C-alpha atoms as a PDB file:
ATOM      1  CA  UNK A   1      -0.681 -18.251  -5.288  1.00  0.00           C
ATOM      2  CA  UNK A   2      -1.387 -14.801  -6.097  1.00  0.00           C
ATOM      3  CA  UNK A   3       1.977 -13.820  -7.412  1.00  0.00           C
ATOM      4  CA  UNK A   4       1.365 -15.980 -10.211  1.00  0.00           C
ATOM      5  CA  UNK A   5      -1.328 -13.859 -11.417  1.00  0.00           C
ATOM      6  CA  UNK A   6      -0.258 -10.873 -13.619  1.00  0.00           C
ATOM      7  CA  UNK A   7      -2.594  -8.148 -12.625  1.00  0.00           C
ATOM      8  CA  UNK A   8      -1.388  -6.133 -15.771  1.00  0.00           C
ATOM      9  CA  UNK A   9      -3.152  -8.715 -18.015  1.00  0.00           C
ATOM     10  CA  UNK A  10      -6.506  -7.575 -16.894  1.00  0.00           C
ATOM     11  CA  UNK A  11      -6.199  -3.766 -16.874  1.00  0.00           C
ATOM     12  CA  UNK A  12      -8.366  -2.455 -19.593  1.00  0.00           C
ATOM     13  CA  UNK A  13      -8.107   0.961 -21.618  1.00  0.00           C
ATOM     14  CA  UNK A  14     -10.922   3.307 -22.605  1.00  0.00           C
ATOM     15  CA  UNK A  15     -10.644   2.059 -26.108  1.00  0.00           C
ATOM     16  CA  UNK A  16     -11.904  -1.520 -25.116  1.00  0.00           C
ATOM     17  CA  UNK A  17     -14.890  -0.741 -22.845  1.00  0.00           C
ATOM     18  CA  UNK A  18     -17.065   0.361 -25.536  1.00  0.00           C
ATOM     19  CA  UNK A  19     -19.544   3.263 -26.002  1.00  0.00           C
ATOM     20  CA  UNK A  20     -20.325   4.944 -22.549  1.00  0.00           C
ATOM     21  CA  UNK A  21     -21.552   8.335 -24.012  1.00  0.00           C
ATOM     22  CA  UNK A  22     -18.328  10.090 -23.183  1.00  0.00           C
ATOM     23  CA  UNK A  23     -17.549   8.386 -19.768  1.00  0.00           C
ATOM     24  CA  UNK A  24     -15.379   5.435 -21.290  1.00  0.00           C
ATOM     25  CA  UNK A  25     -12.109   6.783 -19.312  1.00  0.00           C
ATOM     26  CA  UNK A  26     -13.867   6.919 -16.029  1.00  0.00           C
ATOM     27  CA  UNK A  27     -15.375   3.336 -16.846  1.00  0.00           C
ATOM     28  CA  UNK A  28     -11.927   2.028 -17.767  1.00  0.00           C
ATOM     29  CA  UNK A  29     -10.594   3.579 -14.434  1.00  0.00           C
ATOM     30  CA  UNK A  30     -13.278   2.046 -12.240  1.00  0.00           C
ATOM     31  CA  UNK A  31     -12.934  -1.540 -13.774  1.00  0.00           C
ATOM     32  CA  UNK A  32      -9.111  -1.203 -13.154  1.00  0.00           C
ATOM     33  CA  UNK A  33      -9.820  -0.202  -9.579  1.00  0.00           C
ATOM     34  CA  UNK A  34     -11.940  -3.438  -9.179  1.00  0.00           C
ATOM     35  CA  UNK A  35      -8.959  -5.582 -10.458  1.00  0.00           C
ATOM     36  CA  UNK A  36      -6.404  -3.808  -8.123  1.00  0.00           C
ATOM     37  CA  UNK A  37      -8.761  -4.007  -5.214  1.00  0.00           C
ATOM     38  CA  UNK A  38      -9.590  -7.512  -5.686  1.00  0.00           C
ATOM     39  CA  UNK A  39      -5.751  -8.361  -5.957  1.00  0.00           C
ATOM     40  CA  UNK A  40      -4.699  -6.374  -3.130  1.00  0.00           C
ATOM     41  CA  UNK A  41      -7.485  -7.857  -0.923  1.00  0.00           C
ATOM     42  CA  UNK A  42      -6.892 -11.412  -1.680  1.00  0.00           C
ATOM     43  CA  UNK A  43      -4.631 -13.412   0.689  1.00  0.00           C
ATOM     44  CA  UNK A  44      -1.029 -14.271  -0.746  1.00  0.00           C
ATOM     45  CA  UNK A  45      -1.700 -17.961  -0.810  1.00  0.00           C
ATOM     46  CA  UNK A  46      -5.016 -17.704  -2.791  1.00  0.00           C
ATOM     47  CA  UNK A  47      -5.140 -20.371  -5.577  1.00  0.00           C
ATOM     48  CA  UNK A  48      -4.084 -18.478  -8.729  1.00  0.00           C
ATOM     49  CA  UNK A  49      -6.730 -20.184 -10.879  1.00  0.00           C
ATOM     50  CA  UNK A  50      -9.312 -19.097  -8.386  1.00  0.00           C
ATOM     51  CA  UNK A  51      -8.202 -15.505  -8.597  1.00  0.00           C
ATOM     52  CA  UNK A  52      -7.931 -15.417 -12.261  1.00  0.00           C
ATOM     53  CA  UNK A  53     -11.754 -16.802 -12.465  1.00  0.00           C
ATOM     54  CA  UNK A  54     -12.624 -13.851  -9.832  1.00  0.00           C
ATOM     55  CA  UNK A  55     -10.855 -11.162 -11.595  1.00  0.00           C
ATOM     56  CA  UNK A  56     -12.687 -12.143 -15.139  1.00  0.00           C
ATOM     57  CA  UNK A  57     -16.005 -12.125 -13.153  1.00  0.00           C
ATOM     58  CA  UNK A  58     -15.567  -8.259 -12.846  1.00  0.00           C
ATOM     59  CA  UNK A  59     -15.704  -7.600 -16.610  1.00  0.00           C
ATOM     60  CA  UNK A  60     -18.610  -9.994 -16.774  1.00  0.00           C
ATOM     61  CA  UNK A  61     -20.547  -8.498 -13.966  1.00  0.00           C
ATOM     62  CA  UNK A  62     -19.861  -4.764 -14.541  1.00  0.00           C
ATOM     63  CA  UNK A  63     -19.402  -4.176 -18.223  1.00  0.00           C
ATOM     64  CA  UNK A  64     -22.917  -3.936 -18.884  1.00  0.00           C
ATOM     65  CA  UNK A  65     -24.041  -2.185 -15.682  1.00  0.00           C
ATOM     66  CA  UNK A  66     -24.978   1.369 -16.055  1.00  0.00           C
ATOM     67  CA  UNK A  67     -24.028   2.088 -12.502  1.00  0.00           C
ATOM     68  CA  UNK A  68     -20.238   1.541 -13.513  1.00  0.00           C
ATOM     69  CA  UNK A  69     -19.691   4.917 -14.504  1.00  0.00           C
ATOM     70  CA  UNK A  70     -20.872   6.585 -11.433  1.00  0.00           C
ATOM     71  CA  UNK A  71     -19.751   4.035  -8.752  1.00  0.00           C
ATOM     72  CA  UNK A  72     -17.970   5.339  -5.739  1.00  0.00           C
ATOM     73  CA  UNK A  73     -14.698   3.781  -4.307  1.00  0.00           C
ATOM     74  CA  UNK A  74     -16.336   2.505  -1.397  1.00  0.00           C
ATOM     75  CA  UNK A  75     -18.645   0.443  -3.337  1.00  0.00           C
ATOM     76  CA  UNK A  76     -15.926  -0.929  -5.464  1.00  0.00           C
ATOM     77  CA  UNK A  77     -14.347  -2.002  -2.168  1.00  0.00           C
ATOM     78  CA  UNK A  78     -17.337  -3.377  -0.650  1.00  0.00           C
ATOM     79  CA  UNK A  79     -18.218  -5.427  -3.887  1.00  0.00           C
ATOM     80  CA  UNK A  80     -14.744  -6.670  -4.137  1.00  0.00           C
ATOM     81  CA  UNK A  81     -14.491  -7.738  -0.533  1.00  0.00           C
ATOM     82  CA  UNK A  82     -17.694  -9.328  -0.860  1.00  0.00           C
ATOM     83  CA  UNK A  83     -16.645 -11.202  -3.866  1.00  0.00           C
ATOM     84  CA  UNK A  84     -13.543 -12.655  -2.169  1.00  0.00           C
ATOM     85  CA  UNK A  85     -15.614 -13.563   1.060  1.00  0.00           C
ATOM     86  CA  UNK A  86     -18.166 -15.345  -0.962  1.00  0.00           C
ATOM     87  CA  UNK A  87     -15.862 -16.822  -3.724  1.00  0.00           C
ATOM     88  CA  UNK A  88     -17.174 -20.170  -3.300  1.00  0.00           C
ATOM     89  CA  UNK A  89     -20.821 -19.022  -4.524  1.00  0.00           C
ATOM     90  CA  UNK A  90     -19.084 -17.180  -7.337  1.00  0.00           C
ATOM     91  CA  UNK A  91     -16.972 -20.015  -8.380  1.00  0.00           C
ATOM     92  CA  UNK A  92     -19.845 -22.528  -8.359  1.00  0.00           C
ATOM     93  CA  UNK A  93     -21.793 -20.124 -10.758  1.00  0.00           C
ATOM     94  CA  UNK A  94     -18.594 -20.385 -12.968  1.00  0.00           C
ATOM     95  CA  UNK A  95     -18.690 -24.002 -13.426  1.00  0.00           C
END
C-alpha cells in the first residue's frame, strides 16, 4: 500500500547528486520530480515493496544519464508512467 512508503526518504539534495558542472540543483530537482511523479501516479493499493523498488530504480537509471540535467517535465511524466505501466519488466530485472 502506497501510504506505507515515505516519499521523503527518497528526496535528494544537490549535495548528494555529485558533480554536474554547476547543474547540481537542477539534477536534484529533476530526480525529486521523478520520485513525486511516480508516487502520485501509483495506484493507492500498489504493493509498498514494489513501489520502493520502482522508486529506487530512478536513481539507478538516471544518475549517470547526461540527459538528466536537461530533461523536460513531460519526459519525466512519460518515463514515470511507462515505469508504472511496465513494472513487471522492471521488477524482473531487479531480481
